[in-house]
mmCIF file of all heavy atoms, coordinates in Angstrom:
data_MODEL
# 
_entry.id   MODEL 
# 
loop_
_atom_site.group_PDB 
_atom_site.id 
_atom_site.type_symbol 
_atom_site.label_atom_id 
_atom_site.label_alt_id 
_atom_site.label_comp_id 
_atom_site.label_asym_id 
_atom_site.label_entity_id 
_atom_site.label_seq_id 
_atom_site.pdbx_PDB_ins_code 
_atom_site.Cartn_x 
_atom_site.Cartn_y 
_atom_site.Cartn_z 
_atom_site.occupancy 
_atom_site.B_iso_or_equiv 
_atom_site.pdbx_formal_charge 
_atom_site.auth_seq_id 
_atom_site.auth_comp_id 
_atom_site.auth_asym_id 
_atom_site.auth_atom_id 
_atom_site.pdbx_PDB_model_num 
ATOM 1   N N   . ASN A 1 1  ? 1.820   86.278  36.152 1.00 0.00 ? 1  ASN A N   1 
ATOM 2   C CA  . ASN A 1 1  ? 1.927   84.926  36.689 1.00 0.00 ? 1  ASN A CA  1 
ATOM 3   C C   . ASN A 1 1  ? 0.551   84.402  37.071 1.00 0.00 ? 1  ASN A C   1 
ATOM 4   O O   . ASN A 1 1  ? -0.266  85.125  37.664 1.00 0.00 ? 1  ASN A O   1 
ATOM 5   C CB  . ASN A 1 1  ? 2.836   84.895  37.921 1.00 0.00 ? 1  ASN A CB  1 
ATOM 6   C CG  . ASN A 1 1  ? 4.303   85.090  37.557 1.00 0.00 ? 1  ASN A CG  1 
ATOM 7   O OD1 . ASN A 1 1  ? 4.715   84.785  36.434 1.00 0.00 ? 1  ASN A OD1 1 
ATOM 8   N ND2 . ASN A 1 1  ? 5.081   85.603  38.484 1.00 0.00 ? 1  ASN A ND2 1 
ATOM 9   N N   . VAL A 1 2  ? 0.314   83.153  36.729 1.00 0.00 ? 2  VAL A N   1 
ATOM 10  C CA  . VAL A 1 2  ? -0.950  82.515  37.087 1.00 0.00 ? 2  VAL A CA  1 
ATOM 11  C C   . VAL A 1 2  ? -0.956  82.235  38.589 1.00 0.00 ? 2  VAL A C   1 
ATOM 12  O O   . VAL A 1 2  ? 0.006   81.714  39.153 1.00 0.00 ? 2  VAL A O   1 
ATOM 13  C CB  . VAL A 1 2  ? -1.142  81.201  36.299 1.00 0.00 ? 2  VAL A CB  1 
ATOM 14  C CG1 . VAL A 1 2  ? -2.432  80.505  36.712 1.00 0.00 ? 2  VAL A CG1 1 
ATOM 15  C CG2 . VAL A 1 2  ? -1.141  81.483  34.805 1.00 0.00 ? 2  VAL A CG2 1 
ATOM 16  N N   . VAL A 1 3  ? -2.050  82.591  39.251 1.00 0.00 ? 3  VAL A N   1 
ATOM 17  C CA  . VAL A 1 3  ? -2.174  82.380  40.690 1.00 0.00 ? 3  VAL A CA  1 
ATOM 18  C C   . VAL A 1 3  ? -2.440  80.902  40.963 1.00 0.00 ? 3  VAL A C   1 
ATOM 19  O O   . VAL A 1 3  ? -3.339  80.297  40.367 1.00 0.00 ? 3  VAL A O   1 
ATOM 20  C CB  . VAL A 1 3  ? -3.323  83.234  41.277 1.00 0.00 ? 3  VAL A CB  1 
ATOM 21  C CG1 . VAL A 1 3  ? -3.478  82.971  42.775 1.00 0.00 ? 3  VAL A CG1 1 
ATOM 22  C CG2 . VAL A 1 3  ? -3.063  84.708  41.024 1.00 0.00 ? 3  VAL A CG2 1 
ATOM 23  N N   . ASP A 1 4  ? -1.634  80.303  41.858 1.00 0.00 ? 4  ASP A N   1 
ATOM 24  C CA  . ASP A 1 4  ? -1.820  78.905  42.256 1.00 0.00 ? 4  ASP A CA  1 
ATOM 25  C C   . ASP A 1 4  ? -2.974  78.825  43.258 1.00 0.00 ? 4  ASP A C   1 
ATOM 26  O O   . ASP A 1 4  ? -2.877  79.350  44.371 1.00 0.00 ? 4  ASP A O   1 
ATOM 27  C CB  . ASP A 1 4  ? -0.534  78.370  42.879 1.00 0.00 ? 4  ASP A CB  1 
ATOM 28  C CG  . ASP A 1 4  ? -0.605  76.873  43.149 1.00 0.00 ? 4  ASP A CG  1 
ATOM 29  O OD1 . ASP A 1 4  ? -1.708  76.293  43.028 1.00 0.00 ? 4  ASP A OD1 1 
ATOM 30  O OD2 . ASP A 1 4  ? 0.431   76.284  43.519 1.00 0.00 ? 4  ASP A OD2 1 
ATOM 31  N N   . MET A 1 5  ? -4.059  78.185  42.858 1.00 0.00 ? 5  MET A N   1 
ATOM 32  C CA  . MET A 1 5  ? -5.250  78.101  43.707 1.00 0.00 ? 5  MET A CA  1 
ATOM 33  C C   . MET A 1 5  ? -5.534  76.687  44.205 1.00 0.00 ? 5  MET A C   1 
ATOM 34  O O   . MET A 1 5  ? -6.644  76.383  44.655 1.00 0.00 ? 5  MET A O   1 
ATOM 35  C CB  . MET A 1 5  ? -6.466  78.627  42.937 1.00 0.00 ? 5  MET A CB  1 
ATOM 36  C CG  . MET A 1 5  ? -6.411  80.116  42.650 1.00 0.00 ? 5  MET A CG  1 
ATOM 37  S SD  . MET A 1 5  ? -7.944  80.719  41.903 1.00 0.00 ? 5  MET A SD  1 
ATOM 38  C CE  . MET A 1 5  ? -7.690  82.489  42.025 1.00 0.00 ? 5  MET A CE  1 
ATOM 39  N N   . LYS A 1 6  ? -4.502  75.813  44.146 1.00 0.00 ? 6  LYS A N   1 
ATOM 40  C CA  . LYS A 1 6  ? -4.707  74.432  44.584 1.00 0.00 ? 6  LYS A CA  1 
ATOM 41  C C   . LYS A 1 6  ? -5.089  74.363  46.053 1.00 0.00 ? 6  LYS A C   1 
ATOM 42  O O   . LYS A 1 6  ? -5.945  73.556  46.456 1.00 0.00 ? 6  LYS A O   1 
ATOM 43  C CB  . LYS A 1 6  ? -3.428  73.624  44.329 1.00 0.00 ? 6  LYS A CB  1 
ATOM 44  C CG  . LYS A 1 6  ? -3.126  73.391  42.862 1.00 0.00 ? 6  LYS A CG  1 
ATOM 45  C CD  . LYS A 1 6  ? -1.834  72.609  42.686 1.00 0.00 ? 6  LYS A CD  1 
ATOM 46  C CE  . LYS A 1 6  ? -1.515  72.424  41.204 1.00 0.00 ? 6  LYS A CE  1 
ATOM 47  N NZ  . LYS A 1 6  ? -0.219  71.701  41.015 1.00 0.00 ? 6  LYS A NZ  1 
ATOM 48  N N   . ASN A 1 7  ? -4.448  75.193  46.885 1.00 0.00 ? 7  ASN A N   1 
ATOM 49  C CA  . ASN A 1 7  ? -4.766  75.180  48.315 1.00 0.00 ? 7  ASN A CA  1 
ATOM 50  C C   . ASN A 1 7  ? -6.175  75.697  48.587 1.00 0.00 ? 7  ASN A C   1 
ATOM 51  O O   . ASN A 1 7  ? -6.710  75.521  49.691 1.00 0.00 ? 7  ASN A O   1 
ATOM 52  C CB  . ASN A 1 7  ? -3.763  76.023  49.095 1.00 0.00 ? 7  ASN A CB  1 
ATOM 53  C CG  . ASN A 1 7  ? -2.371  75.403  49.108 1.00 0.00 ? 7  ASN A CG  1 
ATOM 54  O OD1 . ASN A 1 7  ? -2.237  74.190  48.920 1.00 0.00 ? 7  ASN A OD1 1 
ATOM 55  N ND2 . ASN A 1 7  ? -1.348  76.211  49.309 1.00 0.00 ? 7  ASN A ND2 1 
ATOM 56  N N   . LEU A 1 8  ? -6.765  76.357  47.596 1.00 0.00 ? 8  LEU A N   1 
ATOM 57  C CA  . LEU A 1 8  ? -8.136  76.849  47.735 1.00 0.00 ? 8  LEU A CA  1 
ATOM 58  C C   . LEU A 1 8  ? -9.139  75.882  47.121 1.00 0.00 ? 8  LEU A C   1 
ATOM 59  O O   . LEU A 1 8  ? -10.340 76.172  47.068 1.00 0.00 ? 8  LEU A O   1 
ATOM 60  C CB  . LEU A 1 8  ? -8.272  78.221  47.064 1.00 0.00 ? 8  LEU A CB  1 
ATOM 61  C CG  . LEU A 1 8  ? -7.369  79.334  47.618 1.00 0.00 ? 8  LEU A CG  1 
ATOM 62  C CD1 . LEU A 1 8  ? -7.516  80.600  46.780 1.00 0.00 ? 8  LEU A CD1 1 
ATOM 63  C CD2 . LEU A 1 8  ? -7.721  79.621  49.079 1.00 0.00 ? 8  LEU A CD2 1 
ATOM 64  N N   . GLY A 1 9  ? -8.629  74.742  46.642 1.00 0.00 ? 9  GLY A N   1 
ATOM 65  C CA  . GLY A 1 9  ? -9.501  73.732  46.071 1.00 0.00 ? 9  GLY A CA  1 
ATOM 66  C C   . GLY A 1 9  ? -10.001 74.081  44.691 1.00 0.00 ? 9  GLY A C   1 
ATOM 67  O O   . GLY A 1 9  ? -11.042 73.584  44.250 1.00 0.00 ? 9  GLY A O   1 
ATOM 68  N N   . LEU A 1 10 ? -9.253  74.938  43.984 1.00 0.00 ? 10 LEU A N   1 
ATOM 69  C CA  . LEU A 1 10 ? -9.685  75.383  42.666 1.00 0.00 ? 10 LEU A CA  1 
ATOM 70  C C   . LEU A 1 10 ? -8.601  75.133  41.627 1.00 0.00 ? 10 LEU A C   1 
ATOM 71  O O   . LEU A 1 10 ? -7.403  75.143  41.936 1.00 0.00 ? 10 LEU A O   1 
ATOM 72  C CB  . LEU A 1 10 ? -10.029 76.877  42.687 1.00 0.00 ? 10 LEU A CB  1 
ATOM 73  C CG  . LEU A 1 10 ? -11.203 77.312  43.570 1.00 0.00 ? 10 LEU A CG  1 
ATOM 74  C CD1 . LEU A 1 10 ? -11.264 78.829  43.622 1.00 0.00 ? 10 LEU A CD1 1 
ATOM 75  C CD2 . LEU A 1 10 ? -12.511 76.734  43.054 1.00 0.00 ? 10 LEU A CD2 1 
ATOM 76  N N   . THR A 1 11 ? -9.042  74.910  40.410 1.00 0.00 ? 11 THR A N   1 
ATOM 77  C CA  . THR A 1 11 ? -8.125  74.827  39.274 1.00 0.00 ? 11 THR A CA  1 
ATOM 78  C C   . THR A 1 11 ? -8.141  76.161  38.543 1.00 0.00 ? 11 THR A C   1 
ATOM 79  O O   . THR A 1 11 ? -9.202  76.628  38.126 1.00 0.00 ? 11 THR A O   1 
ATOM 80  C CB  . THR A 1 11 ? -8.544  73.701  38.312 1.00 0.00 ? 11 THR A CB  1 
ATOM 81  O OG1 . THR A 1 11 ? -8.534  72.457  39.008 1.00 0.00 ? 11 THR A OG1 1 
ATOM 82  C CG2 . THR A 1 11 ? -7.584  73.630  37.134 1.00 0.00 ? 11 THR A CG2 1 
ATOM 83  N N   . ASN A 1 12 ? -6.981  76.770  38.397 1.00 0.00 ? 12 ASN A N   1 
ATOM 84  C CA  . ASN A 1 12 ? -6.878  78.078  37.758 1.00 0.00 ? 12 ASN A CA  1 
ATOM 85  C C   . ASN A 1 12 ? -6.202  77.905  36.397 1.00 0.00 ? 12 ASN A C   1 
ATOM 86  O O   . ASN A 1 12 ? -4.975  77.835  36.298 1.00 0.00 ? 12 ASN A O   1 
ATOM 87  C CB  . ASN A 1 12 ? -6.082  79.043  38.637 1.00 0.00 ? 12 ASN A CB  1 
ATOM 88  C CG  . ASN A 1 12 ? -6.034  80.451  38.050 1.00 0.00 ? 12 ASN A CG  1 
ATOM 89  O OD1 . ASN A 1 12 ? -6.827  80.803  37.180 1.00 0.00 ? 12 ASN A OD1 1 
ATOM 90  N ND2 . ASN A 1 12 ? -5.096  81.244  38.520 1.00 0.00 ? 12 ASN A ND2 1 
ATOM 91  N N   . ASP A 1 13 ? -7.019  77.824  35.365 1.00 0.00 ? 13 ASP A N   1 
ATOM 92  C CA  . ASP A 1 13 ? -6.504  77.623  34.006 1.00 0.00 ? 13 ASP A CA  1 
ATOM 93  C C   . ASP A 1 13 ? -6.269  78.982  33.342 1.00 0.00 ? 13 ASP A C   1 
ATOM 94  O O   . ASP A 1 13 ? -7.000  79.378  32.430 1.00 0.00 ? 13 ASP A O   1 
ATOM 95  C CB  . ASP A 1 13 ? -7.494  76.787  33.195 1.00 0.00 ? 13 ASP A CB  1 
ATOM 96  C CG  . ASP A 1 13 ? -6.957  76.448  31.803 1.00 0.00 ? 13 ASP A CG  1 
ATOM 97  O OD1 . ASP A 1 13 ? -5.723  76.540  31.608 1.00 0.00 ? 13 ASP A OD1 1 
ATOM 98  O OD2 . ASP A 1 13 ? -7.778  76.122  30.917 1.00 0.00 ? 13 ASP A OD2 1 
ATOM 99  N N   . LYS A 1 14 ? -5.269  79.689  33.827 1.00 0.00 ? 14 LYS A N   1 
ATOM 100 C CA  . LYS A 1 14 ? -4.902  81.001  33.295 1.00 0.00 ? 14 LYS A CA  1 
ATOM 101 C C   . LYS A 1 14 ? -6.091  81.953  33.249 1.00 0.00 ? 14 LYS A C   1 
ATOM 102 O O   . LYS A 1 14 ? -6.305  82.683  32.278 1.00 0.00 ? 14 LYS A O   1 
ATOM 103 C CB  . LYS A 1 14 ? -4.278  80.875  31.898 1.00 0.00 ? 14 LYS A CB  1 
ATOM 104 C CG  . LYS A 1 14 ? -3.278  81.998  31.567 1.00 0.00 ? 14 LYS A CG  1 
ATOM 105 C CD  . LYS A 1 14 ? -2.667  81.868  30.192 1.00 0.00 ? 14 LYS A CD  1 
ATOM 106 C CE  . LYS A 1 14 ? -3.651  82.267  29.107 1.00 0.00 ? 14 LYS A CE  1 
ATOM 107 N NZ  . LYS A 1 14 ? -3.022  82.366  27.772 1.00 0.00 ? 14 LYS A NZ  1 
ATOM 108 N N   . GLU A 1 15 ? -6.869  81.925  34.352 1.00 0.00 ? 15 GLU A N   1 
ATOM 109 C CA  . GLU A 1 15 ? -8.038  82.803  34.435 1.00 0.00 ? 15 GLU A CA  1 
ATOM 110 C C   . GLU A 1 15 ? -7.815  83.958  35.403 1.00 0.00 ? 15 GLU A C   1 
ATOM 111 O O   . GLU A 1 15 ? -8.363  85.041  35.217 1.00 0.00 ? 15 GLU A O   1 
ATOM 112 C CB  . GLU A 1 15 ? -9.266  81.998  34.863 1.00 0.00 ? 15 GLU A CB  1 
ATOM 113 C CG  . GLU A 1 15 ? -9.665  80.941  33.840 1.00 0.00 ? 15 GLU A CG  1 
ATOM 114 C CD  . GLU A 1 15 ? -10.598 79.893  34.421 1.00 0.00 ? 15 GLU A CD  1 
ATOM 115 O OE1 . GLU A 1 15 ? -10.385 79.469  35.568 1.00 0.00 ? 15 GLU A OE1 1 
ATOM 116 O OE2 . GLU A 1 15 ? -11.530 79.492  33.707 1.00 0.00 ? 15 GLU A OE2 1 
ATOM 117 N N   . VAL A 1 16 ? -7.006  83.732  36.426 1.00 0.00 ? 16 VAL A N   1 
ATOM 118 C CA  . VAL A 1 16 ? -6.655  84.780  37.379 1.00 0.00 ? 16 VAL A CA  1 
ATOM 119 C C   . VAL A 1 16 ? -5.134  84.878  37.419 1.00 0.00 ? 16 VAL A C   1 
ATOM 120 O O   . VAL A 1 16 ? -4.449  83.893  37.721 1.00 0.00 ? 16 VAL A O   1 
ATOM 121 C CB  . VAL A 1 16 ? -7.211  84.500  38.790 1.00 0.00 ? 16 VAL A CB  1 
ATOM 122 C CG1 . VAL A 1 16 ? -6.796  85.612  39.757 1.00 0.00 ? 16 VAL A CG1 1 
ATOM 123 C CG2 . VAL A 1 16 ? -8.726  84.359  38.757 1.00 0.00 ? 16 VAL A CG2 1 
ATOM 124 N N   . LEU A 1 17 ? -4.613  86.058  37.087 1.00 0.00 ? 17 LEU A N   1 
ATOM 125 C CA  . LEU A 1 17 ? -3.174  86.272  37.032 1.00 0.00 ? 17 LEU A CA  1 
ATOM 126 C C   . LEU A 1 17 ? -2.829  87.552  37.771 1.00 0.00 ? 17 LEU A C   1 
ATOM 127 O O   . LEU A 1 17 ? -3.665  88.446  37.931 1.00 0.00 ? 17 LEU A O   1 
ATOM 128 C CB  . LEU A 1 17 ? -2.674  86.361  35.586 1.00 0.00 ? 17 LEU A CB  1 
ATOM 129 C CG  . LEU A 1 17 ? -3.031  85.221  34.639 1.00 0.00 ? 17 LEU A CG  1 
ATOM 130 C CD1 . LEU A 1 17 ? -4.292  85.552  33.852 1.00 0.00 ? 17 LEU A CD1 1 
ATOM 131 C CD2 . LEU A 1 17 ? -1.878  84.924  33.681 1.00 0.00 ? 17 LEU A CD2 1 
ATOM 132 N N   . VAL A 1 18 ? -1.585  87.658  38.190 1.00 0.00 ? 18 VAL A N   1 
ATOM 133 C CA  . VAL A 1 18 ? -1.118  88.875  38.849 1.00 0.00 ? 18 VAL A CA  1 
ATOM 134 C C   . VAL A 1 18 ? 0.087   89.410  38.084 1.00 0.00 ? 18 VAL A C   1 
ATOM 135 O O   . VAL A 1 18 ? 0.940   88.641  37.620 1.00 0.00 ? 18 VAL A O   1 
ATOM 136 C CB  . VAL A 1 18 ? -0.728  88.624  40.327 1.00 0.00 ? 18 VAL A CB  1 
ATOM 137 C CG1 . VAL A 1 18 ? -1.952  88.292  41.148 1.00 0.00 ? 18 VAL A CG1 1 
ATOM 138 C CG2 . VAL A 1 18 ? 0.302   87.513  40.438 1.00 0.00 ? 18 VAL A CG2 1 
ATOM 139 N N   . PRO A 1 19 ? 0.148   90.730  37.912 1.00 0.00 ? 19 PRO A N   1 
ATOM 140 C CA  . PRO A 1 19 ? 1.287   91.306  37.188 1.00 0.00 ? 19 PRO A CA  1 
ATOM 141 C C   . PRO A 1 19 ? 2.546   91.306  38.033 1.00 0.00 ? 19 PRO A C   1 
ATOM 142 O O   . PRO A 1 19 ? 2.497   91.492  39.255 1.00 0.00 ? 19 PRO A O   1 
ATOM 143 C CB  . PRO A 1 19 ? 0.822   92.735  36.897 1.00 0.00 ? 19 PRO A CB  1 
ATOM 144 C CG  . PRO A 1 19 ? -0.144  93.044  37.995 1.00 0.00 ? 19 PRO A CG  1 
ATOM 145 C CD  . PRO A 1 19 ? -0.827  91.755  38.326 1.00 0.00 ? 19 PRO A CD  1 
ATOM 146 N N   . VAL A 1 20 ? 3.677   91.090  37.382 1.00 0.00 ? 20 VAL A N   1 
ATOM 147 C CA  . VAL A 1 20 ? 4.982   91.206  38.024 1.00 0.00 ? 20 VAL A CA  1 
ATOM 148 C C   . VAL A 1 20 ? 5.503   92.594  37.701 1.00 0.00 ? 20 VAL A C   1 
ATOM 149 O O   . VAL A 1 20 ? 5.957   92.863  36.588 1.00 0.00 ? 20 VAL A O   1 
ATOM 150 C CB  . VAL A 1 20 ? 5.954   90.123  37.529 1.00 0.00 ? 20 VAL A CB  1 
ATOM 151 C CG1 . VAL A 1 20 ? 7.307   90.257  38.214 1.00 0.00 ? 20 VAL A CG1 1 
ATOM 152 C CG2 . VAL A 1 20 ? 5.368   88.732  37.756 1.00 0.00 ? 20 VAL A CG2 1 
ATOM 153 N N   . GLU A 1 21 ? 5.408   93.509  38.658 1.00 0.00 ? 21 GLU A N   1 
ATOM 154 C CA  . GLU A 1 21 ? 5.727   94.910  38.390 1.00 0.00 ? 21 GLU A CA  1 
ATOM 155 C C   . GLU A 1 21 ? 7.223   95.119  38.155 1.00 0.00 ? 21 GLU A C   1 
ATOM 156 O O   . GLU A 1 21 ? 7.632   95.822  37.229 1.00 0.00 ? 21 GLU A O   1 
ATOM 157 C CB  . GLU A 1 21 ? 5.245   95.780  39.551 1.00 0.00 ? 21 GLU A CB  1 
ATOM 158 C CG  . GLU A 1 21 ? 3.733   95.746  39.756 1.00 0.00 ? 21 GLU A CG  1 
ATOM 159 C CD  . GLU A 1 21 ? 2.967   96.371  38.601 1.00 0.00 ? 21 GLU A CD  1 
ATOM 160 O OE1 . GLU A 1 21 ? 3.575   97.082  37.779 1.00 0.00 ? 21 GLU A OE1 1 
ATOM 161 O OE2 . GLU A 1 21 ? 1.750   96.150  38.509 1.00 0.00 ? 21 GLU A OE2 1 
ATOM 162 N N   . THR A 1 22 ? 8.059   94.572  39.003 1.00 0.00 ? 22 THR A N   1 
ATOM 163 C CA  . THR A 1 22 ? 9.519   94.709  38.857 1.00 0.00 ? 22 THR A CA  1 
ATOM 164 C C   . THR A 1 22 ? 10.193  93.414  39.307 1.00 0.00 ? 22 THR A C   1 
ATOM 165 O O   . THR A 1 22 ? 9.680   92.731  40.208 1.00 0.00 ? 22 THR A O   1 
ATOM 166 C CB  . THR A 1 22 ? 10.064  95.867  39.713 1.00 0.00 ? 22 THR A CB  1 
ATOM 167 O OG1 . THR A 1 22 ? 9.699   95.663  41.082 1.00 0.00 ? 22 THR A OG1 1 
ATOM 168 C CG2 . THR A 1 22 ? 9.529   97.198  39.234 1.00 0.00 ? 22 THR A CG2 1 
ATOM 169 N N   . PRO A 1 23 ? 11.333  93.067  38.709 1.00 0.00 ? 23 PRO A N   1 
ATOM 170 C CA  . PRO A 1 23 ? 11.897  93.747  37.529 1.00 0.00 ? 23 PRO A CA  1 
ATOM 171 C C   . PRO A 1 23 ? 11.106  93.369  36.283 1.00 0.00 ? 23 PRO A C   1 
ATOM 172 O O   . PRO A 1 23 ? 10.445  92.339  36.250 1.00 0.00 ? 23 PRO A O   1 
ATOM 173 C CB  . PRO A 1 23 ? 13.323  93.206  37.477 1.00 0.00 ? 23 PRO A CB  1 
ATOM 174 C CG  . PRO A 1 23 ? 13.215  91.829  38.060 1.00 0.00 ? 23 PRO A CG  1 
ATOM 175 C CD  . PRO A 1 23 ? 12.161  91.927  39.139 1.00 0.00 ? 23 PRO A CD  1 
ATOM 176 N N   . TYR A 1 24 ? 11.190  94.211  35.265 1.00 0.00 ? 24 TYR A N   1 
ATOM 177 C CA  . TYR A 1 24 ? 10.501  93.904  34.016 1.00 0.00 ? 24 TYR A CA  1 
ATOM 178 C C   . TYR A 1 24 ? 11.525  93.786  32.896 1.00 0.00 ? 24 TYR A C   1 
ATOM 179 O O   . TYR A 1 24 ? 12.620  94.329  32.959 1.00 0.00 ? 24 TYR A O   1 
ATOM 180 C CB  . TYR A 1 24 ? 9.457   94.974  33.682 1.00 0.00 ? 24 TYR A CB  1 
ATOM 181 C CG  . TYR A 1 24 ? 9.976   96.385  33.599 1.00 0.00 ? 24 TYR A CG  1 
ATOM 182 C CD1 . TYR A 1 24 ? 10.595  96.846  32.443 1.00 0.00 ? 24 TYR A CD1 1 
ATOM 183 C CD2 . TYR A 1 24 ? 9.842   97.252  34.675 1.00 0.00 ? 24 TYR A CD2 1 
ATOM 184 C CE1 . TYR A 1 24 ? 11.076  98.139  32.361 1.00 0.00 ? 24 TYR A CE1 1 
ATOM 185 C CE2 . TYR A 1 24 ? 10.322  98.551  34.604 1.00 0.00 ? 24 TYR A CE2 1 
ATOM 186 C CZ  . TYR A 1 24 ? 10.933  98.981  33.451 1.00 0.00 ? 24 TYR A CZ  1 
ATOM 187 O OH  . TYR A 1 24 ? 11.416  100.264 33.376 1.00 0.00 ? 24 TYR A OH  1 
ATOM 188 N N   . GLY A 1 25 ? 11.160  93.028  31.875 1.00 0.00 ? 25 GLY A N   1 
ATOM 189 C CA  . GLY A 1 25 ? 12.055  92.858  30.744 1.00 0.00 ? 25 GLY A CA  1 
ATOM 190 C C   . GLY A 1 25 ? 11.987  94.037  29.803 1.00 0.00 ? 25 GLY A C   1 
ATOM 191 O O   . GLY A 1 25 ? 11.025  94.801  29.788 1.00 0.00 ? 25 GLY A O   1 
ATOM 192 N N   . SER A 1 26 ? 13.018  94.189  28.990 1.00 0.00 ? 26 SER A N   1 
ATOM 193 C CA  . SER A 1 26 ? 13.057  95.283  28.032 1.00 0.00 ? 26 SER A CA  1 
ATOM 194 C C   . SER A 1 26 ? 13.887  94.866  26.830 1.00 0.00 ? 26 SER A C   1 
ATOM 195 O O   . SER A 1 26 ? 14.894  94.161  26.969 1.00 0.00 ? 26 SER A O   1 
ATOM 196 C CB  . SER A 1 26 ? 13.659  96.535  28.674 1.00 0.00 ? 26 SER A CB  1 
ATOM 197 O OG  . SER A 1 26 ? 13.729  97.599  27.744 1.00 0.00 ? 26 SER A OG  1 
# 
């Protein structure tokens, strides 16, 4: 998931993301 950085005054164009560990698709 792309991290929402609007509250930090930044635009995050799919540059910083965090993994969703669970649940995962299969």
